[in-house]
């Protein structure tokens, strides 16, 4: 990450209520879009400042501001063509996390021993690779916004070839389901753009 990009991200993170910043780049490596996760109902307060800061650094980049009250809260997706659906996620008596996914009629499962948050994300990535999805990202971090049981979970993935990051946010009644959905939230748009066998 260049000094300019570091300064840009620092300014965004310094805005009141900003919890996380996700940056995506176009094929040429230029910043293409920015997503900010902010405290509940803080979108309007941050939107103007984020647009101003972004226009100074990257005039062509789009800006999306999402409040934690708009984080995903929905039952398991039954699946649409080209999108990965979560079929189920569970934790065994030995602590093993298992995630089951489906894409275009094919199913796959992934496992991890690293607890519901990190393990949920890791098992999701393993299951995606089992579906022959090309996932050029690795897990950078998984975190909860607050200590409440149903607080949103944020998953950050980083490209294996550059500093591009993808941010996924989801909310559920349990940490494991939220971690799986947040991982899919970060990747589903990418998965839709590539062949599942690429």
Protein backbone atom coordinates (compact mmCIF):
# COMPACT_ATOMS: atom_id res chain seq x y z
CA UNK A 1 0.00 0.00 0.00
CA UNK A 2 1.41 3.39 -1.01
CA UNK A 3 1.77 6.34 1.35
CA UNK A 4 -1.13 8.02 -0.44
CA UNK A 5 -3.39 5.02 0.08
CA UNK A 6 -2.34 4.76 3.71
CA UNK A 7 -3.18 8.43 4.30
CA UNK A 8 -6.51 7.97 2.50
CA UNK A 9 -7.52 4.99 4.62
CA UNK A 10 -6.37 6.72 7.81
CA UNK A 11 -8.55 9.77 7.08
CA UNK A 12 -11.59 7.58 6.49
CA UNK A 13 -11.01 5.55 9.64
CA UNK A 14 -10.68 8.79 11.63
CA UNK A 15 -14.24 9.86 10.77
CA UNK A 16 -16.62 9.65 13.77
CA UNK A 17 -18.39 6.31 14.05
CA UNK A 18 -16.41 4.50 11.35
CA UNK A 19 -15.83 0.89 12.39
CA UNK A 20 -14.22 -0.57 9.29
CA UNK A 21 -13.06 0.45 5.81
CA UNK A 22 -13.07 -1.81 2.75
CA UNK A 23 -11.27 -0.79 -0.45
CA UNK A 24 -11.66 -2.44 -3.85
CA UNK A 25 -9.52 -1.82 -6.93
CA UNK A 26 -10.13 -2.15 -10.64
CA UNK A 27 -8.02 -4.45 -12.86
CA UNK A 28 -5.50 -1.62 -13.33
CA UNK A 29 -4.95 -1.43 -9.58
CA UNK A 30 -6.69 1.92 -9.09
CA UNK A 31 -9.06 2.41 -6.16
CA UNK A 32 -12.50 1.71 -7.62
CA UNK A 33 -14.86 1.69 -4.63
CA UNK A 34 -14.85 2.25 -0.90
CA UNK A 35 -17.22 0.76 1.68
CA UNK A 36 -17.43 2.13 5.21
CA UNK A 37 -19.16 0.37 8.07
CA UNK A 38 -20.38 2.87 10.67
CA UNK A 39 -22.27 2.83 13.95
CA UNK A 40 -26.02 2.36 13.72
CA UNK A 41 -27.79 5.36 12.16
CA UNK A 42 -24.48 7.10 11.47
CA UNK A 43 -24.63 6.90 7.67
CA UNK A 44 -25.76 10.45 6.99
CA UNK A 45 -23.19 12.01 9.29
CA UNK A 46 -20.33 10.17 7.58
CA UNK A 47 -21.53 10.11 3.96
CA UNK A 48 -20.68 13.72 3.08
CA UNK A 49 -17.25 13.68 4.70
CA UNK A 50 -16.39 10.31 3.13
CA UNK A 51 -17.39 11.57 -0.32
CA UNK A 52 -15.26 14.69 0.12
CA UNK A 53 -12.19 12.78 1.28
CA UNK A 54 -12.53 10.20 -1.48
CA UNK A 55 -12.95 12.84 -4.19
CA UNK A 56 -9.67 14.45 -3.13
CA UNK A 57 -7.72 11.21 -3.41
CA UNK A 58 -9.65 9.15 -5.99
CA UNK A 59 -12.26 11.27 -7.85
CA UNK A 60 -13.67 8.33 -9.82
CA UNK A 61 -14.16 5.97 -6.87
CA UNK A 62 -17.63 5.23 -5.54
CA UNK A 63 -18.43 5.45 -1.83
CA UNK A 64 -20.87 3.27 0.11
CA UNK A 65 -21.63 3.89 3.77
CA UNK A 66 -23.43 1.13 5.67
CA UNK A 67 -24.73 1.41 9.23
CA UNK A 68 -24.68 -1.60 11.52
CA UNK A 69 -28.46 -1.46 11.67
CA UNK A 70 -28.51 -2.36 7.97
CA UNK A 71 -26.17 -5.35 8.30
CA UNK A 72 -27.62 -8.52 6.85
CA UNK A 73 -30.17 -10.35 8.98
CA UNK A 74 -31.99 -13.00 7.01
CA UNK A 75 -32.55 -16.77 6.88
CA UNK A 76 -30.31 -19.02 4.83
CA UNK A 77 -30.38 -18.06 1.15
CA UNK A 78 -32.13 -20.63 -1.01
CA UNK A 79 -29.70 -19.70 -3.76
CA UNK A 80 -29.89 -17.85 -7.06
CA UNK A 81 -28.04 -18.82 -10.24
CA UNK A 82 -24.43 -17.72 -9.86
CA UNK A 83 -24.63 -17.08 -6.13
CA UNK A 84 -23.44 -19.36 -3.37
CA UNK A 85 -26.09 -20.37 -0.85
CA UNK A 86 -25.43 -21.33 2.75
CA UNK A 87 -27.20 -24.64 3.37
CA UNK A 88 -26.12 -24.98 6.99
CA UNK A 89 -23.42 -24.41 9.59
CA UNK A 90 -22.83 -26.32 12.81
CA UNK A 91 -20.40 -26.84 15.67
CA UNK A 92 -19.64 -30.39 16.79
CA UNK A 93 -19.08 -31.66 20.32
CA UNK A 94 -15.33 -31.62 19.63
CA UNK A 95 -15.49 -27.95 18.62
CA UNK A 96 -15.18 -28.64 14.91
CA UNK A 97 -16.99 -26.11 12.73
CA UNK A 98 -18.71 -27.44 9.59
CA UNK A 99 -20.14 -25.22 6.85
CA UNK A 100 -22.23 -26.54 3.96
CA UNK A 101 -22.65 -24.49 0.77
CA UNK A 102 -24.35 -24.95 -2.60
CA UNK A 103 -23.65 -23.39 -6.01
CA UNK A 104 -25.48 -24.24 -9.24
CA UNK A 105 -26.84 -27.48 -7.76
CA UNK A 106 -23.50 -28.68 -6.40
CA UNK A 107 -22.75 -28.94 -2.69
CA UNK A 108 -19.55 -28.71 -0.68
CA UNK A 109 -18.53 -28.57 2.97
CA UNK A 110 -15.60 -27.08 4.84
CA UNK A 111 -14.34 -27.54 8.39
CA UNK A 112 -12.22 -25.68 10.92
CA UNK A 113 -11.25 -26.04 14.58
CA UNK A 114 -10.86 -22.30 15.21
CA UNK A 115 -14.17 -21.41 16.83
CA UNK A 116 -17.35 -19.89 15.40
CA UNK A 117 -15.93 -16.58 14.15
CA UNK A 118 -12.56 -17.42 12.58
CA UNK A 119 -13.58 -21.04 12.07
CA UNK A 120 -16.81 -20.03 10.36
CA UNK A 121 -14.92 -17.88 7.87
CA UNK A 122 -12.19 -20.49 7.32
CA UNK A 123 -14.68 -23.30 6.79
CA UNK A 124 -16.62 -21.13 4.34
CA UNK A 125 -13.48 -20.46 2.29
CA UNK A 126 -12.67 -24.20 2.28
CA UNK A 127 -16.18 -25.04 1.13
CA UNK A 128 -15.97 -22.44 -1.64
CA UNK A 129 -12.75 -23.97 -2.91
CA UNK A 130 -14.51 -27.35 -2.79
CA UNK A 131 -17.01 -25.87 -5.24
CA UNK A 132 -14.07 -25.10 -7.56
CA UNK A 133 -14.51 -21.35 -7.00
CA UNK A 134 -11.45 -19.25 -7.75
CA UNK A 135 -10.85 -17.34 -4.49
CA UNK A 136 -7.69 -15.20 -4.76
CA UNK A 137 -8.11 -13.87 -1.22
CA UNK A 138 -7.02 -14.90 2.25
CA UNK A 139 -8.67 -14.24 5.60
CA UNK A 140 -7.25 -11.10 7.19
CA UNK A 141 -9.58 -10.65 10.16
CA UNK A 142 -12.94 -11.52 11.69
CA UNK A 143 -14.45 -9.32 14.37
CA UNK A 144 -17.68 -8.44 16.12
CA UNK A 145 -18.82 -4.84 16.29
CA UNK A 146 -19.97 -5.14 19.89
CA UNK A 147 -20.27 -7.70 22.65
CA UNK A 148 -24.00 -8.30 22.19
CA UNK A 149 -24.92 -11.80 21.02
CA UNK A 150 -26.58 -10.59 17.81
CA UNK A 151 -24.06 -7.84 16.99
CA UNK A 152 -22.82 -7.69 13.38
CA UNK A 153 -19.74 -9.66 12.35
CA UNK A 154 -17.19 -8.11 9.98
CA UNK A 155 -14.95 -10.27 7.78
CA UNK A 156 -12.01 -8.71 5.94
CA UNK A 157 -10.31 -10.62 3.11
CA UNK A 158 -7.12 -9.52 1.37
CA UNK A 159 -5.97 -10.32 -2.14
CA UNK A 160 -3.08 -12.74 -2.53
CA UNK A 161 -1.61 -10.62 -5.34
CA UNK A 162 -2.02 -7.02 -4.15
CA UNK A 163 -3.45 -4.97 -1.27
CA UNK A 164 -7.08 -5.15 -2.40
CA UNK A 165 -9.41 -5.88 0.50
CA UNK A 166 -13.01 -7.09 0.55
CA UNK A 167 -15.31 -6.33 3.45
CA UNK A 168 -18.30 -8.47 4.39
CA UNK A 169 -20.85 -7.70 7.10
CA UNK A 170 -23.66 -9.87 8.42
CA UNK A 171 -25.85 -10.21 11.46
CA UNK A 172 -27.49 -13.30 12.90
CA UNK A 173 -28.63 -14.81 16.16
CA UNK A 174 -25.36 -16.76 16.43
CA UNK A 175 -21.75 -15.94 15.65
CA UNK A 176 -21.15 -18.91 13.36
CA UNK A 177 -23.99 -18.10 10.98
CA UNK A 178 -23.02 -14.43 10.96
CA UNK A 179 -19.38 -15.30 10.14
CA UNK A 180 -20.43 -17.53 7.24
CA UNK A 181 -22.81 -14.94 5.82
CA UNK A 182 -20.26 -12.14 6.22
CA UNK A 183 -17.67 -14.20 4.31
CA UNK A 184 -20.15 -14.85 1.52
CA UNK A 185 -21.17 -11.19 1.57
CA UNK A 186 -17.54 -10.27 0.93
CA UNK A 187 -17.10 -12.76 -1.92
CA UNK A 188 -20.40 -13.41 -3.70
CA UNK A 189 -20.00 -10.49 -6.12
CA UNK A 190 -16.53 -11.78 -6.99
CA UNK A 191 -17.82 -15.34 -7.39
CA UNK A 192 -20.54 -14.11 -9.75
CA UNK A 193 -17.91 -12.52 -12.01
CA UNK A 194 -15.79 -15.65 -12.49
CA UNK A 195 -16.39 -19.17 -13.64
CA UNK A 196 -16.78 -21.66 -10.77
CA UNK A 197 -14.10 -23.78 -12.43
CA UNK A 198 -11.63 -20.95 -13.10
